[in-house]
Amino acid sequence: MVFDRNMMAWEAMVPILERIAVALEATNPGAPLVAPDWAAADAFWLRRVGVRVSLEPVRHPHRLRLADLREIDAQKARVVANTEQFLRGLPANNVLLTGARGCGKSSLVKALLTEYAAQGLRLIEIEKGDLVELPRLLERVADAPWRFVLFIDDLSFEPGEAAYKTLKSVLDGSVWAQPENVLIYATSNRRHLMPEYFSENEATRHVGGEVHPAEATEEKISLSERFGLWVSFYPFSQAAYLEIVATWLRHFGASDAQIAAARQEALVWAIERGSRSGRVAWQFARDWAGRHGLGAERTEGHER
């Protein structure tokens, strides 16, 4: 009877021990990432809690439509064409979207998900600090029956950051190839992704003890060159800014007469913020619509 009781006790402990083993494995920095249910969501993010890294679904993704993004038609056409090639299994490039703040770089990537999720596109957002996990992430998604865009928003580096080397290697420098079902789309306000200094252009000077300063400068621009497609965004003209304001006011239900009356307020709003951008236009439209009692239940998207 004692033996039977001991056996029963061990049998009861087995599930507990198995759960402990799984938990310990998950906290192992070198453990493989556990694949989520890719069909349960179309947007995911790489989440870090302590040393544990996991892929989590985004329960309420930011939904934008390509048609909502105005005054960036040329940029939109290039990124859409590249994405459609990718979804058809044709050659396509990693994309670096750079330029003026608030002019639609991030919004364009998000709108791609809205447009193409039904065709098998999945978006995984990864923070710059977690780029060291890219090799594990790519290993996990390589055999999945989906097409993945890894989204890195507001990317820039300071000298010495480990994530810089990891991303550079993954883009074009590792002994193994980037999976054919994965592209990297990154946004940045800096085209070269790292700070540059006037002194670095003087190749005959020794900068900070650097024997070959020109080579150091080449190192700084080498990462951005590994993105096959560069898409540049520029500050909006006054006319373009007012057109975006009108689009969003119309979205909130404003009439043409109300939009015309709001024109001067929109210009003052942009002057106060020192920027004519899609983000500023959206913020003005929200403020104006709220003050005028418009737009209830109509706030699902905006230009960022």
Protein backbone atom coordinates (compact mmCIF):
# COMPACT_ATOMS: atom_id res chain seq x y z
CA MET A 1 0.00 0.00 0.00
CA VAL A 2 2.86 2.34 0.78
CA PHE A 3 4.31 1.61 -2.64
CA ASP A 4 0.97 2.31 -4.29
CA ARG A 5 0.62 5.59 -2.45
CA ASN A 6 4.12 6.62 -3.51
CA MET A 7 3.39 5.72 -7.12
CA MET A 8 0.20 7.75 -7.02
CA ALA A 9 2.08 10.70 -5.55
CA TRP A 10 4.68 10.57 -8.35
CA GLU A 11 2.01 10.29 -11.00
CA ALA A 12 0.32 13.40 -9.59
CA MET A 13 3.66 15.23 -9.69
CA VAL A 14 4.40 14.45 -13.34
CA PRO A 15 2.16 17.17 -14.86
CA ILE A 16 3.55 19.70 -12.38
CA LEU A 17 7.14 18.77 -13.23
CA GLU A 18 6.36 18.98 -16.94
CA ARG A 19 4.97 22.49 -16.51
CA ILE A 20 8.05 23.51 -14.55
CA ALA A 21 10.28 22.12 -17.32
CA VAL A 22 8.39 24.06 -19.97
CA ALA A 23 8.64 27.25 -17.92
CA LEU A 24 12.39 26.80 -17.38
CA GLU A 25 12.91 26.15 -21.08
CA ALA A 26 11.03 29.34 -21.93
CA THR A 27 13.37 31.38 -19.73
CA ASN A 28 16.45 29.96 -21.42
CA PRO A 29 17.86 32.77 -23.58
CA GLY A 30 19.00 30.26 -26.18
CA ALA A 31 15.75 28.32 -26.39
CA PRO A 32 13.84 28.28 -29.69
CA LEU A 33 10.91 30.65 -29.92
CA VAL A 34 7.54 28.98 -29.63
CA ALA A 35 5.43 29.60 -32.73
CA PRO A 36 2.05 31.19 -32.03
CA ASP A 37 -1.14 30.27 -33.83
CA TRP A 38 -0.48 32.21 -37.02
CA ALA A 39 -4.12 31.85 -38.07
CA ALA A 40 -5.40 33.43 -34.85
CA ALA A 41 -4.20 36.94 -35.76
CA ASP A 42 -2.49 38.77 -38.60
CA ALA A 43 -0.23 41.01 -36.50
CA PHE A 44 2.27 39.86 -33.87
CA TRP A 45 5.02 41.37 -31.78
CA LEU A 46 8.22 40.06 -30.31
CA ARG A 47 7.76 40.52 -26.57
CA ARG A 48 10.52 40.41 -23.97
CA VAL A 49 9.90 39.91 -20.25
CA GLY A 50 13.22 39.62 -18.47
CA VAL A 51 15.19 36.98 -20.40
CA ARG A 52 12.03 35.37 -21.81
CA VAL A 53 11.19 36.23 -25.41
CA SER A 54 7.93 35.21 -27.04
CA LEU A 55 5.81 35.90 -30.09
CA GLU A 56 2.48 37.37 -29.03
CA PRO A 57 -0.59 38.18 -31.15
CA VAL A 58 -1.71 41.80 -31.37
CA ARG A 59 -5.33 41.62 -30.26
CA HIS A 60 -6.32 45.06 -31.50
CA PRO A 61 -4.06 46.03 -34.43
CA HIS A 62 -4.06 49.58 -35.73
CA ARG A 63 -6.19 49.30 -38.87
CA LEU A 64 -5.45 51.64 -41.74
CA ARG A 65 -6.39 51.49 -45.40
CA LEU A 66 -4.09 52.34 -48.28
CA ALA A 67 -6.81 54.63 -49.64
CA ASP A 68 -6.62 56.67 -46.41
CA LEU A 69 -2.99 57.64 -47.05
CA ARG A 70 -2.93 60.79 -49.15
CA GLU A 71 -0.21 62.78 -50.91
CA ILE A 72 2.29 59.89 -50.85
CA ASP A 73 1.15 58.14 -54.02
CA ALA A 74 4.64 57.60 -55.46
CA GLN A 75 5.97 56.07 -52.24
CA LYS A 76 2.84 53.98 -51.85
CA ALA A 77 3.12 52.60 -55.39
CA ARG A 78 6.73 51.45 -54.88
CA VAL A 79 6.07 49.71 -51.57
CA VAL A 80 2.82 48.12 -52.77
CA ALA A 81 4.52 46.77 -55.92
CA ASN A 82 7.35 45.28 -53.85
CA THR A 83 4.89 43.70 -51.42
CA GLU A 84 2.74 42.22 -54.17
CA GLN A 85 5.84 40.68 -55.78
CA PHE A 86 6.69 39.17 -52.41
CA LEU A 87 3.20 37.72 -51.95
CA ARG A 88 3.34 36.12 -55.41
CA GLY A 89 6.62 34.43 -54.60
CA LEU A 90 8.61 36.71 -56.91
CA PRO A 91 11.90 38.41 -56.01
CA ALA A 92 11.38 41.39 -53.70
CA ASN A 93 13.54 43.65 -51.53
CA ASN A 94 13.84 44.59 -47.91
CA VAL A 95 12.59 48.18 -47.59
CA LEU A 96 13.91 51.22 -45.74
CA LEU A 97 11.39 54.07 -45.51
CA THR A 98 13.10 57.30 -44.50
CA GLY A 99 12.45 61.01 -44.27
CA ALA A 100 10.19 63.59 -42.71
CA ARG A 101 8.44 62.71 -39.49
CA GLY A 102 4.71 62.15 -39.52
CA CYS A 103 4.40 61.80 -43.29
CA GLY A 104 3.12 58.23 -43.48
CA LYS A 105 6.08 55.85 -43.21
CA SER A 106 4.70 53.70 -40.40
CA SER A 107 1.12 54.10 -41.58
CA LEU A 108 2.03 52.71 -44.99
CA VAL A 109 3.42 49.51 -43.47
CA LYS A 110 0.33 49.08 -41.27
CA ALA A 111 -1.98 49.67 -44.21
CA LEU A 112 -0.25 46.86 -46.13
CA LEU A 113 -1.44 44.43 -43.47
CA THR A 114 -5.04 45.61 -43.81
CA GLU A 115 -4.81 45.23 -47.58
CA TYR A 116 -3.04 41.89 -47.83
CA ALA A 117 -3.72 39.87 -44.66
CA ALA A 118 -6.31 37.83 -46.54
CA GLN A 119 -3.59 36.88 -49.05
CA GLY A 120 -1.39 35.40 -46.33
CA LEU A 121 0.59 38.42 -45.16
CA ARG A 122 1.56 38.51 -41.50
CA LEU A 123 3.23 41.44 -39.73
CA ILE A 124 5.66 40.99 -36.83
CA GLU A 125 6.79 44.15 -35.04
CA ILE A 126 10.17 43.99 -33.36
CA GLU A 127 11.79 46.65 -31.19
CA LYS A 128 15.31 47.79 -31.95
CA GLY A 129 16.56 46.44 -28.63
CA ASP A 130 15.34 42.96 -29.55
CA LEU A 131 17.05 42.76 -32.93
CA VAL A 132 19.62 40.44 -31.39
CA GLU A 133 16.79 37.87 -31.44
CA LEU A 134 16.44 38.06 -35.23
CA PRO A 135 18.24 34.78 -35.97
CA ARG A 136 15.90 32.87 -33.61
CA LEU A 137 12.87 34.66 -35.04
CA LEU A 138 13.83 33.88 -38.64
CA GLU A 139 14.42 30.24 -37.75
CA ARG A 140 10.91 30.07 -36.28
CA VAL A 141 9.05 31.61 -39.25
CA ALA A 142 11.09 30.07 -42.07
CA ASP A 143 8.88 26.99 -42.44
CA ALA A 144 5.53 28.63 -41.69
CA PRO A 145 3.03 28.71 -44.59
CA TRP A 146 2.73 32.52 -44.48
CA ARG A 147 4.51 35.56 -45.81
CA PHE A 148 6.05 37.71 -43.08
CA VAL A 149 7.01 41.37 -42.98
CA LEU A 150 9.21 42.10 -39.98
CA PHE A 151 8.44 45.70 -39.05
CA ILE A 152 11.06 47.84 -37.28
CA ASP A 153 9.72 51.32 -36.54
CA ASP A 154 11.81 54.44 -35.94
CA LEU A 155 15.11 52.67 -36.47
CA SER A 156 18.40 54.37 -35.64
CA PHE A 157 21.57 53.35 -33.86
CA GLU A 158 24.27 54.82 -31.72
CA PRO A 159 27.87 53.60 -32.09
CA GLY A 160 28.55 50.29 -30.39
CA GLU A 161 25.00 48.91 -30.26
CA ALA A 162 24.98 45.13 -30.63
CA ALA A 163 21.70 45.13 -32.55
CA TYR A 164 23.40 47.05 -35.40
CA LYS A 165 25.73 44.15 -36.17
CA THR A 166 22.93 41.60 -35.93
CA LEU A 167 20.65 43.43 -38.36
CA LYS A 168 23.52 44.07 -40.77
CA SER A 169 24.44 40.39 -40.78
CA VAL A 170 20.84 39.25 -41.28
CA LEU A 171 20.25 41.63 -44.19
CA ASP A 172 23.28 40.57 -46.20
CA GLY A 173 26.28 39.07 -44.54
CA SER A 174 25.46 35.85 -42.75
CA VAL A 175 26.44 32.43 -44.04
CA TRP A 176 22.76 31.47 -44.18
CA ALA A 177 20.20 33.11 -46.43
CA GLN A 178 17.25 35.19 -45.30
CA PRO A 179 14.14 32.97 -45.58
CA GLU A 180 12.25 33.49 -48.82
CA ASN A 181 9.01 34.08 -46.92
CA VAL A 182 10.42 37.01 -44.91
CA LEU A 183 11.07 40.67 -45.70
CA ILE A 184 12.22 43.43 -43.38
CA TYR A 185 10.49 46.82 -43.58
CA ALA A 186 12.07 49.52 -41.43
CA THR A 187 11.25 53.20 -40.93
CA SER A 188 13.69 55.88 -39.86
CA ASN A 189 14.13 59.63 -39.84
CA ARG A 190 17.79 59.00 -40.72
CA ARG A 191 18.70 57.61 -44.09
CA HIS A 192 22.03 56.26 -42.86
CA LEU A 193 20.61 55.05 -39.51
CA MET A 194 23.59 56.30 -37.46
CA PRO A 195 24.76 59.80 -36.49
CA GLU A 196 27.33 61.36 -38.78
CA TYR A 197 29.69 64.25 -38.15
CA PHE A 198 31.25 66.88 -40.39
CA SER A 199 34.69 65.80 -39.25
CA GLU A 200 34.12 62.35 -40.71
CA ASN A 201 34.05 63.82 -44.22
CA GLU A 202 37.62 65.00 -43.85
CA ALA A 203 39.27 61.71 -44.78
CA THR A 204 42.78 63.05 -44.22
CA ARG A 205 42.18 63.78 -40.53
CA HIS A 206 42.39 61.34 -37.66
CA VAL A 207 39.00 61.50 -36.00
CA GLY A 208 38.93 60.46 -32.36
CA GLY A 209 41.97 58.25 -32.82
CA GLU A 210 40.54 56.51 -35.91
CA VAL A 211 43.41 55.72 -38.28
CA HIS A 212 41.15 55.41 -41.34
CA PRO A 213 38.20 57.76 -40.73
CA ALA A 214 36.87 57.38 -44.27
CA GLU A 215 36.45 53.64 -43.65
CA ALA A 216 34.59 54.38 -40.42
CA THR A 217 32.16 56.53 -42.41
CA GLU A 218 31.68 53.72 -44.94
CA GLU A 219 30.83 51.39 -42.05
CA LYS A 220 28.09 53.76 -40.90
CA ILE A 221 26.32 53.86 -44.26
CA SER A 222 26.79 50.16 -45.04
CA LEU A 223 23.70 49.08 -43.09
CA SER A 224 21.22 51.24 -45.01
CA GLU A 225 22.77 50.08 -48.28
CA ARG A 226 21.77 46.52 -47.44
CA PHE A 227 18.12 47.43 -47.81
CA GLY A 228 17.36 46.81 -51.46
CA LEU A 229 14.64 49.44 -51.73
CA TRP A 230 14.89 52.97 -50.34
CA VAL A 231 11.69 55.00 -50.21
CA SER A 232 12.00 58.66 -49.22
CA PHE A 233 9.29 60.83 -47.68
CA TYR A 234 9.30 64.62 -47.77
CA PRO A 235 7.56 67.43 -45.83
CA PHE A 236 4.17 68.29 -47.29
CA SER A 237 3.43 71.53 -49.07
CA GLN A 238 0.69 73.73 -47.67
CA ALA A 239 -1.72 72.56 -50.36
CA ALA A 240 -0.96 68.90 -49.66
CA TYR A 241 -1.34 69.43 -45.91
CA LEU A 242 -4.74 71.10 -46.37
CA GLU A 243 -5.85 68.25 -48.64
CA ILE A 244 -5.02 65.73 -45.91
CA VAL A 245 -6.86 67.86 -43.35
CA ALA A 246 -9.90 67.89 -45.65
CA THR A 247 -9.72 64.11 -46.08
CA TRP A 248 -9.78 63.50 -42.33
CA LEU A 249 -12.46 66.11 -41.63
CA ARG A 250 -14.57 64.41 -44.28
CA HIS A 251 -13.83 61.11 -42.53
CA PHE A 252 -15.34 62.57 -39.35
CA GLY A 253 -18.43 63.75 -41.23
CA ALA A 254 -17.66 67.43 -41.91
CA SER A 255 -19.38 69.11 -44.83
CA ASP A 256 -17.53 70.93 -47.61
CA ALA A 257 -18.56 74.25 -46.08
CA GLN A 258 -17.21 73.22 -42.68
CA ILE A 259 -13.95 72.05 -44.24
CA ALA A 260 -13.51 75.40 -45.99
CA ALA A 261 -14.23 77.26 -42.74
CA ALA A 262 -11.63 75.16 -40.87
CA ARG A 263 -8.84 75.98 -43.33
CA GLN A 264 -7.32 78.92 -41.43
CA GLU A 265 -7.46 77.06 -38.12
CA ALA A 266 -5.63 74.14 -39.72
CA LEU A 267 -2.84 76.42 -40.94
CA VAL A 268 -2.42 77.99 -37.49
CA TRP A 269 -2.36 74.51 -35.95
CA ALA A 270 0.52 73.50 -38.25
CA ILE A 271 2.46 76.71 -37.55
CA GLU A 272 2.17 76.16 -33.80
CA ARG A 273 3.63 72.67 -34.18
CA GLY A 274 6.31 73.64 -36.66
CA SER A 275 5.30 70.91 -39.08
CA ARG A 276 2.91 70.23 -41.96
CA SER A 277 2.57 66.46 -41.83
CA GLY A 278 -0.09 63.80 -42.06
CA ARG A 279 0.14 63.26 -38.31
CA VAL A 280 -0.41 66.96 -37.60
CA ALA A 281 -3.34 66.99 -40.04
CA TRP A 282 -4.92 64.02 -38.28
CA GLN A 283 -4.45 65.60 -34.87
CA PHE A 284 -6.06 68.84 -36.03
CA ALA A 285 -8.98 66.96 -37.57
CA ARG A 286 -9.58 65.05 -34.33
CA ASP A 287 -9.50 68.25 -32.30
CA TRP A 288 -11.77 70.16 -34.70
CA ALA A 289 -14.27 67.31 -35.05
CA GLY A 290 -14.43 66.81 -31.29
CA ARG A 291 -15.05 70.50 -30.65
CA HIS A 292 -17.83 70.51 -33.25
CA GLY A 293 -19.49 67.30 -32.06
CA LEU A 294 -18.57 65.19 -35.09
CA GLY A 295 -16.98 61.82 -35.59
CA ALA A 296 -18.47 59.56 -32.92
CA GLU A 297 -17.43 55.91 -33.58
CA ARG A 298 -15.39 56.96 -36.63
CA THR A 299 -11.84 57.01 -35.36
CA GLU A 300 -10.40 53.73 -36.61
CA GLY A 301 -7.35 55.06 -38.44
CA HIS A 302 -4.96 57.94 -38.97
CA GLU A 303 -1.86 59.05 -40.81
CA ARG A 304 1.38 58.54 -38.92
